[in-house]
N, C-alpha and C. Protein backbone atom coordinates (compact mmCIF):
# COMPACT_ATOMS: atom_id res chain seq x y z
N MET A 1 15.72 -59.16 -10.25
CA MET A 1 17.04 -58.60 -10.47
C MET A 1 16.92 -57.50 -11.50
N THR A 2 17.29 -56.28 -11.13
CA THR A 2 17.21 -55.13 -12.03
C THR A 2 18.61 -54.65 -12.35
N ASP A 3 18.93 -54.50 -13.62
CA ASP A 3 20.25 -54.05 -14.07
C ASP A 3 20.22 -52.54 -14.23
N ASP A 4 21.27 -51.87 -13.74
CA ASP A 4 21.32 -50.41 -13.86
C ASP A 4 22.02 -49.95 -15.13
N GLY A 5 22.43 -50.90 -15.99
CA GLY A 5 23.10 -50.54 -17.23
C GLY A 5 24.61 -50.45 -17.10
N GLU A 6 25.14 -50.54 -15.89
CA GLU A 6 26.58 -50.45 -15.66
C GLU A 6 27.12 -51.72 -15.01
N GLY A 7 26.40 -52.81 -15.12
CA GLY A 7 26.85 -54.07 -14.55
C GLY A 7 26.43 -54.28 -13.11
N LEU A 8 25.72 -53.31 -12.52
CA LEU A 8 25.22 -53.46 -11.16
C LEU A 8 23.76 -53.91 -11.22
N VAL A 9 23.41 -54.82 -10.33
CA VAL A 9 22.03 -55.30 -10.26
C VAL A 9 21.50 -55.12 -8.85
N THR A 10 20.20 -54.95 -8.72
CA THR A 10 19.57 -54.77 -7.42
C THR A 10 19.39 -56.13 -6.75
N LEU A 11 19.96 -56.25 -5.57
CA LEU A 11 19.80 -57.47 -4.78
C LEU A 11 18.58 -57.36 -3.88
N ALA A 12 18.38 -56.18 -3.26
CA ALA A 12 17.27 -55.99 -2.33
C ALA A 12 16.97 -54.50 -2.22
N THR A 13 15.78 -54.20 -1.70
CA THR A 13 15.41 -52.81 -1.42
C THR A 13 15.01 -52.70 0.04
N PHE A 14 15.21 -51.52 0.60
CA PHE A 14 14.95 -51.27 2.02
C PHE A 14 14.28 -49.92 2.17
N ALA A 15 13.56 -49.75 3.25
CA ALA A 15 12.95 -48.47 3.57
C ALA A 15 13.81 -47.68 4.56
N ARG A 16 14.72 -48.36 5.27
CA ARG A 16 15.53 -47.70 6.29
C ARG A 16 17.02 -47.94 6.06
N ALA A 17 17.80 -46.87 6.17
CA ALA A 17 19.24 -46.93 5.92
C ALA A 17 19.98 -47.87 6.87
N PRO A 18 19.66 -47.93 8.18
CA PRO A 18 20.41 -48.84 9.05
C PRO A 18 20.32 -50.31 8.62
N GLU A 19 19.14 -50.74 8.19
CA GLU A 19 18.97 -52.12 7.73
C GLU A 19 19.77 -52.35 6.46
N ALA A 20 19.70 -51.41 5.53
CA ALA A 20 20.44 -51.53 4.28
C ALA A 20 21.94 -51.57 4.56
N GLY A 21 22.39 -50.72 5.47
CA GLY A 21 23.80 -50.68 5.83
C GLY A 21 24.28 -51.97 6.45
N MET A 22 23.43 -52.58 7.28
CA MET A 22 23.79 -53.85 7.92
C MET A 22 24.01 -54.94 6.87
N VAL A 23 23.12 -55.03 5.89
CA VAL A 23 23.24 -56.06 4.86
C VAL A 23 24.46 -55.78 3.97
N CYS A 24 24.67 -54.51 3.63
CA CYS A 24 25.83 -54.16 2.81
C CYS A 24 27.12 -54.52 3.55
N GLU A 25 27.17 -54.27 4.84
CA GLU A 25 28.35 -54.63 5.63
C GLU A 25 28.54 -56.14 5.68
N LEU A 26 27.46 -56.88 5.84
CA LEU A 26 27.52 -58.35 5.82
C LEU A 26 28.15 -58.83 4.52
N LEU A 27 27.68 -58.30 3.40
CA LEU A 27 28.22 -58.71 2.11
C LEU A 27 29.68 -58.30 1.96
N SER A 28 30.00 -57.07 2.34
CA SER A 28 31.38 -56.59 2.24
C SER A 28 32.32 -57.45 3.07
N ASN A 29 31.88 -57.82 4.27
CA ASN A 29 32.71 -58.67 5.13
C ASN A 29 32.87 -60.07 4.55
N SER A 30 31.99 -60.44 3.64
CA SER A 30 32.07 -61.74 2.97
C SER A 30 32.83 -61.65 1.65
N GLY A 31 33.39 -60.47 1.36
CA GLY A 31 34.18 -60.29 0.15
C GLY A 31 33.35 -59.97 -1.09
N ILE A 32 32.11 -59.52 -0.88
CA ILE A 32 31.23 -59.19 -1.99
C ILE A 32 31.02 -57.67 -2.00
N PRO A 33 31.62 -56.97 -2.97
CA PRO A 33 31.43 -55.51 -3.03
C PRO A 33 29.97 -55.15 -3.28
N CYS A 34 29.50 -54.09 -2.62
CA CYS A 34 28.13 -53.65 -2.81
C CYS A 34 28.05 -52.13 -2.67
N VAL A 35 26.95 -51.59 -3.15
CA VAL A 35 26.70 -50.14 -3.13
C VAL A 35 25.27 -49.92 -2.70
N LEU A 36 25.07 -48.90 -1.87
CA LEU A 36 23.71 -48.49 -1.52
C LEU A 36 23.35 -47.27 -2.35
N GLN A 37 22.19 -47.29 -2.95
CA GLN A 37 21.72 -46.17 -3.76
C GLN A 37 20.45 -45.61 -3.11
N GLY A 38 20.48 -44.30 -2.82
CA GLY A 38 19.31 -43.66 -2.22
C GLY A 38 19.36 -43.62 -0.72
N ALA A 39 20.53 -43.82 -0.10
CA ALA A 39 20.63 -43.90 1.35
C ALA A 39 21.04 -42.58 2.00
N ASN A 40 21.39 -41.57 1.25
CA ASN A 40 21.94 -40.34 1.83
C ASN A 40 20.94 -39.20 1.84
N TYR A 41 20.00 -39.28 2.76
CA TYR A 41 18.99 -38.22 2.87
C TYR A 41 19.13 -37.43 4.16
N GLY A 42 20.30 -37.48 4.79
CA GLY A 42 20.51 -36.71 6.00
C GLY A 42 19.62 -37.15 7.14
N ALA A 43 18.99 -36.18 7.79
CA ALA A 43 18.18 -36.47 8.97
C ALA A 43 16.80 -37.02 8.63
N LEU A 44 16.43 -36.99 7.38
CA LEU A 44 15.12 -37.49 6.99
C LEU A 44 15.19 -38.99 6.78
N GLU A 45 14.64 -39.73 7.70
CA GLU A 45 14.75 -41.20 7.66
C GLU A 45 13.43 -41.83 8.02
N PRO A 46 12.73 -42.51 7.21
CA PRO A 46 12.87 -42.49 5.76
C PRO A 46 12.27 -41.22 5.16
N LEU A 47 12.70 -40.87 4.01
CA LEU A 47 12.24 -39.66 3.35
C LEU A 47 10.83 -39.87 2.80
N PRO A 48 9.86 -39.10 3.29
CA PRO A 48 8.50 -39.27 2.76
C PRO A 48 8.38 -38.67 1.36
N LEU A 49 7.87 -39.43 0.45
CA LEU A 49 7.64 -38.96 -0.91
C LEU A 49 6.17 -39.15 -1.25
N ILE A 50 5.72 -38.47 -2.26
CA ILE A 50 4.35 -38.65 -2.71
C ILE A 50 4.16 -40.11 -3.11
N GLY A 51 3.17 -40.75 -2.54
CA GLY A 51 2.91 -42.14 -2.86
C GLY A 51 3.66 -43.13 -2.00
N GLY A 52 4.46 -42.67 -1.03
CA GLY A 52 5.17 -43.62 -0.17
C GLY A 52 6.51 -43.08 0.29
N PHE A 53 7.35 -43.97 0.78
CA PHE A 53 8.65 -43.60 1.31
C PHE A 53 9.74 -43.86 0.28
N SER A 54 10.91 -43.28 0.55
CA SER A 54 12.04 -43.48 -0.35
C SER A 54 12.47 -44.94 -0.34
N GLU A 55 13.09 -45.34 -1.40
CA GLU A 55 13.55 -46.71 -1.53
C GLU A 55 15.07 -46.71 -1.58
N ILE A 56 15.68 -47.53 -0.76
CA ILE A 56 17.13 -47.69 -0.76
C ILE A 56 17.42 -49.01 -1.44
N ARG A 57 18.21 -48.96 -2.49
CA ARG A 57 18.55 -50.15 -3.25
C ARG A 57 19.94 -50.63 -2.89
N LEU A 58 20.08 -51.93 -2.69
CA LEU A 58 21.37 -52.57 -2.46
C LEU A 58 21.80 -53.18 -3.78
N LEU A 59 22.90 -52.68 -4.33
CA LEU A 59 23.38 -53.11 -5.64
C LEU A 59 24.66 -53.93 -5.51
N VAL A 60 24.77 -54.95 -6.34
CA VAL A 60 25.98 -55.77 -6.41
C VAL A 60 26.34 -55.95 -7.88
N GLN A 61 27.58 -56.34 -8.13
CA GLN A 61 28.00 -56.64 -9.49
C GLN A 61 27.23 -57.86 -10.00
N ARG A 62 26.91 -57.85 -11.27
CA ARG A 62 26.15 -58.95 -11.87
C ARG A 62 26.82 -60.30 -11.59
N GLN A 63 28.14 -60.38 -11.71
CA GLN A 63 28.84 -61.65 -11.50
C GLN A 63 28.80 -62.10 -10.04
N ASP A 64 28.52 -61.20 -9.11
CA ASP A 64 28.45 -61.55 -7.69
C ASP A 64 27.02 -61.80 -7.21
N TYR A 65 26.04 -61.63 -8.11
CA TYR A 65 24.65 -61.65 -7.70
C TYR A 65 24.26 -62.95 -6.98
N GLN A 66 24.55 -64.10 -7.56
CA GLN A 66 24.09 -65.36 -6.96
C GLN A 66 24.74 -65.58 -5.59
N ARG A 67 26.03 -65.30 -5.49
CA ARG A 67 26.73 -65.46 -4.20
C ARG A 67 26.15 -64.50 -3.16
N ALA A 68 25.87 -63.26 -3.57
CA ALA A 68 25.29 -62.27 -2.67
C ALA A 68 23.88 -62.68 -2.25
N LYS A 69 23.11 -63.17 -3.19
CA LYS A 69 21.74 -63.61 -2.91
C LYS A 69 21.75 -64.77 -1.91
N ASP A 70 22.66 -65.72 -2.11
CA ASP A 70 22.77 -66.86 -1.20
C ASP A 70 23.12 -66.40 0.21
N ALA A 71 24.08 -65.47 0.33
CA ALA A 71 24.48 -64.95 1.64
C ALA A 71 23.34 -64.20 2.30
N TYR A 72 22.64 -63.38 1.53
CA TYR A 72 21.50 -62.60 2.02
C TYR A 72 20.40 -63.52 2.54
N GLU A 73 20.05 -64.51 1.74
CA GLU A 73 18.97 -65.43 2.13
C GLU A 73 19.37 -66.29 3.33
N ALA A 74 20.61 -66.73 3.38
CA ALA A 74 21.08 -67.53 4.52
C ALA A 74 21.02 -66.72 5.80
N PHE A 75 21.41 -65.46 5.73
CA PHE A 75 21.42 -64.61 6.91
C PHE A 75 20.00 -64.38 7.42
N PHE A 76 19.08 -64.05 6.52
CA PHE A 76 17.73 -63.73 6.94
C PHE A 76 16.85 -64.96 7.17
N ALA A 77 17.31 -66.11 6.73
CA ALA A 77 16.57 -67.35 6.99
C ALA A 77 16.97 -67.94 8.33
N GLY A 78 17.92 -67.31 9.01
CA GLY A 78 18.37 -67.83 10.30
C GLY A 78 19.41 -68.91 10.15
N ASP A 79 19.97 -69.08 8.94
CA ASP A 79 20.98 -70.09 8.71
C ASP A 79 22.38 -69.56 8.97
N ALA A 80 22.49 -68.30 9.39
CA ALA A 80 23.80 -67.74 9.70
C ALA A 80 24.38 -68.47 10.90
N PRO A 81 25.69 -68.68 10.93
CA PRO A 81 26.29 -69.38 12.06
C PRO A 81 26.01 -68.65 13.37
N GLN A 82 25.65 -69.40 14.38
CA GLN A 82 25.37 -68.83 15.70
C GLN A 82 26.58 -69.05 16.61
N MET A 83 26.85 -68.09 17.46
CA MET A 83 27.93 -68.22 18.42
C MET A 83 27.37 -68.85 19.70
N ASP A 84 28.15 -69.72 20.32
CA ASP A 84 27.78 -70.26 21.63
C ASP A 84 27.99 -69.17 22.67
N GLU A 85 27.28 -69.29 23.79
CA GLU A 85 27.39 -68.27 24.84
C GLU A 85 28.83 -68.12 25.31
N GLY A 86 29.55 -69.20 25.42
CA GLY A 86 30.93 -69.15 25.92
C GLY A 86 31.96 -68.95 24.84
N ASP A 87 31.54 -68.80 23.59
CA ASP A 87 32.46 -68.66 22.48
C ASP A 87 33.08 -67.26 22.51
N PRO A 88 34.42 -67.15 22.59
CA PRO A 88 35.07 -65.84 22.70
C PRO A 88 35.15 -65.07 21.39
N ARG A 89 34.63 -65.61 20.29
CA ARG A 89 34.74 -64.88 19.01
C ARG A 89 34.06 -63.60 19.16
């Protein structure tokens, strides 16, 4: 967990904006505000830099960190609720 000095902490880092956007949307839909830092590079995806690619950071408020981490881990661990084939949701 890295603090940016303004109460925001890094939850995760990504190399691609679509993946970062998906997780940020998941958190936002769960009522957890988040911000992506480093995601606006236009058509350059990912942006090649000396020594590697650009890093996109997903930031959340310090007080939301544990709840965001739990949601993130549950989603990527496959613990997210699954819809049945006939479920109209």
